[in-house]
C-alpha atoms as a PDB file:
ATOM      1  CA  MET A   1      -9.067  68.297  76.350  1.00  0.00           C
ATOM      2  CA  SER A   2     -10.019  65.292  74.181  1.00  0.00           C
ATOM      3  CA  ALA A   3     -13.453  63.705  74.083  1.00  0.00           C
ATOM      4  CA  LYS A   4     -13.986  60.485  75.969  1.00  0.00           C
ATOM      5  CA  THR A   5     -14.417  57.473  73.676  1.00  0.00           C
ATOM      6  CA  GLY A   6     -16.269  54.252  74.383  1.00  0.00           C
ATOM      7  CA  SER A   7     -17.347  51.022  72.741  1.00  0.00           C
ATOM      8  CA  TYR A   8     -21.060  50.553  72.218  1.00  0.00           C
ATOM      9  CA  ILE A   9     -23.608  48.296  70.584  1.00  0.00           C
ATOM     10  CA  VAL A  10     -26.188  50.343  68.683  1.00  0.00           C
ATOM     11  CA  VAL A  11     -29.425  48.464  67.970  1.00  0.00           C
ATOM     12  CA  PHE A  12     -32.225  49.724  65.744  1.00  0.00           C
ATOM     13  CA  LYS A  13     -35.890  48.733  65.710  1.00  0.00           C
ATOM     14  CA  PRO A  14     -36.564  45.584  63.620  1.00  0.00           C
ATOM     15  CA  ASP A  15     -38.466  47.484  60.904  1.00  0.00           C
ATOM     16  CA  THR A  16     -35.672  50.020  60.316  1.00  0.00           C
ATOM     17  CA  PRO A  17     -34.679  50.150  56.630  1.00  0.00           C
ATOM     18  CA  ASP A  18     -31.100  49.089  55.885  1.00  0.00           C
ATOM     19  CA  HIS A  19     -30.277  52.453  54.290  1.00  0.00           C
ATOM     20  CA  VAL A  20     -31.073  54.227  57.581  1.00  0.00           C
ATOM     21  CA  ILE A  21     -28.651  51.965  59.466  1.00  0.00           C
ATOM     22  CA  GLU A  22     -26.001  52.459  56.783  1.00  0.00           C
ATOM     23  CA  LYS A  23     -26.341  56.251  57.075  1.00  0.00           C
ATOM     24  CA  ALA A  24     -25.995  56.011  60.855  1.00  0.00           C
ATOM     25  CA  ALA A  25     -22.809  53.948  60.429  1.00  0.00           C
ATOM     26  CA  LYS A  26     -21.397  56.540  58.012  1.00  0.00           C
ATOM     27  CA  ASP A  27     -22.269  59.289  60.516  1.00  0.00           C
ATOM     28  CA  VAL A  28     -20.271  57.411  63.165  1.00  0.00           C
ATOM     29  CA  GLU A  29     -17.260  57.182  60.852  1.00  0.00           C
ATOM     30  CA  ALA A  30     -17.589  60.860  59.883  1.00  0.00           C
ATOM     31  CA  SER A  31     -17.451  61.787  63.581  1.00  0.00           C
ATOM     32  CA  GLY A  32     -14.135  59.976  64.015  1.00  0.00           C
ATOM     33  CA  GLY A  33     -15.625  56.712  65.229  1.00  0.00           C
ATOM     34  CA  LYS A  34     -14.994  53.198  63.969  1.00  0.00           C
ATOM     35  CA  ILE A  35     -17.595  50.563  63.097  1.00  0.00           C
ATOM     36  CA  GLY A  36     -16.807  47.094  64.388  1.00  0.00           C
ATOM     37  CA  HIS A  37     -19.276  44.283  63.775  1.00  0.00           C
ATOM     38  CA  ARG A  38     -22.544  44.712  61.890  1.00  0.00           C
ATOM     39  CA  TYR A  39     -25.587  42.841  63.157  1.00  0.00           C
ATOM     40  CA  ASP A  40     -28.350  41.834  60.764  1.00  0.00           C
ATOM     41  CA  SER A  41     -29.707  38.429  61.740  1.00  0.00           C
ATOM     42  CA  THR A  42     -31.019  38.469  65.323  1.00  0.00           C
ATOM     43  CA  MET A  43     -30.929  42.253  65.603  1.00  0.00           C
ATOM     44  CA  LYS A  44     -30.232  45.228  63.350  1.00  0.00           C
ATOM     45  CA  GLY A  45     -27.326  47.476  64.166  1.00  0.00           C
ATOM     46  CA  PHE A  46     -23.591  47.572  64.735  1.00  0.00           C
ATOM     47  CA  SER A  47     -20.855  47.833  67.319  1.00  0.00           C
ATOM     48  CA  ALA A  48     -18.846  51.021  67.293  1.00  0.00           C
ATOM     49  CA  THR A  49     -16.057  52.806  69.073  1.00  0.00           C
ATOM     50  CA  VAL A  50     -17.077  56.454  69.158  1.00  0.00           C
ATOM     51  CA  PRO A  51     -16.743  59.655  71.149  1.00  0.00           C
ATOM     52  CA  ASP A  52     -19.349  59.605  73.929  1.00  0.00           C
ATOM     53  CA  GLN A  53     -21.077  62.770  72.637  1.00  0.00           C
ATOM     54  CA  VAL A  54     -21.948  60.904  69.408  1.00  0.00           C
ATOM     55  CA  ILE A  55     -23.859  58.323  71.452  1.00  0.00           C
ATOM     56  CA  THR A  56     -25.820  61.144  73.070  1.00  0.00           C
ATOM     57  CA  THR A  57     -26.850  62.256  69.561  1.00  0.00           C
ATOM     58  CA  PHE A  58     -27.903  58.715  68.582  1.00  0.00           C
ATOM     59  CA  GLN A  59     -30.186  58.413  71.615  1.00  0.00           C
ATOM     60  CA  ALA A  60     -32.597  60.826  69.900  1.00  0.00           C
ATOM     61  CA  HIS A  61     -32.736  58.778  66.666  1.00  0.00           C
ATOM     62  CA  GLU A  62     -36.352  57.815  65.915  1.00  0.00           C
ATOM     63  CA  ASN A  63     -35.402  54.302  64.723  1.00  0.00           C
ATOM     64  CA  LEU A  64     -33.172  53.491  67.682  1.00  0.00           C
ATOM     65  CA  ASP A  65     -34.195  50.571  69.882  1.00  0.00           C
ATOM     66  CA  TYR A  66     -31.339  50.775  72.417  1.00  0.00           C
ATOM     67  CA  ILE A  67     -27.642  51.437  72.973  1.00  0.00           C
ATOM     68  CA  GLU A  68     -25.517  49.542  75.451  1.00  0.00           C
ATOM     69  CA  ALA A  69     -21.881  49.540  76.406  1.00  0.00           C
ATOM     70  CA  ASP A  70     -19.918  46.863  74.558  1.00  0.00           C
ATOM     71  CA  GLY A  71     -17.697  44.626  76.602  1.00  0.00           C
ATOM     72  CA  GLU A  72     -16.406  41.157  77.152  1.00  0.00           C
ATOM     73  CA  VAL A  73     -18.992  38.626  78.262  1.00  0.00           C
ATOM     74  CA  THR A  74     -17.994  35.545  80.212  1.00  0.00           C
ATOM     75  CA  ALA A  75     -19.908  32.608  81.567  1.00  0.00           C
ATOM     76  CA  TYR A  76     -19.173  31.293  85.008  1.00  0.00           C
ATOM     77  CA  ALA A  77     -20.516  27.952  86.105  1.00  0.00           C
ATOM     78  CA  LYS A  78     -20.112  26.398  89.503  1.00  0.00           C
ATOM     79  CA  SER A  79     -20.442  22.670  89.974  1.00  0.00           C
ATOM     80  CA  VAL A  80     -23.060  21.756  92.501  1.00  0.00           C
ATOM     81  CA  GLY A  81     -23.114  18.290  93.977  1.00  0.00           C
ATOM     82  CA  ILE A  82     -26.550  16.775  93.559  1.00  0.00           C
ATOM     83  CA  GLY A  83     -27.664  13.850  95.696  1.00  0.00           C
ATOM     84  CA  LYS A  84     -24.847  14.131  98.205  1.00  0.00           C
END
């Protein structure tokens, strides 16, 4: 039975040193995961496709801010008649 894999955004606390984030990314790759985009301007972290059990391990990381499922985001706007 193979491990379930998912896409996630892994975000670290703002004061996390870059070398800690780099080590975490290498740990993901060593576990068979793949790093997607790296975030370093509005937040610190990366997107990754990894086996779900790796995410469970990351949840205990002392520098972790949060992890969320990665997915497509869309905007939906509905026109509303004003003054009719």
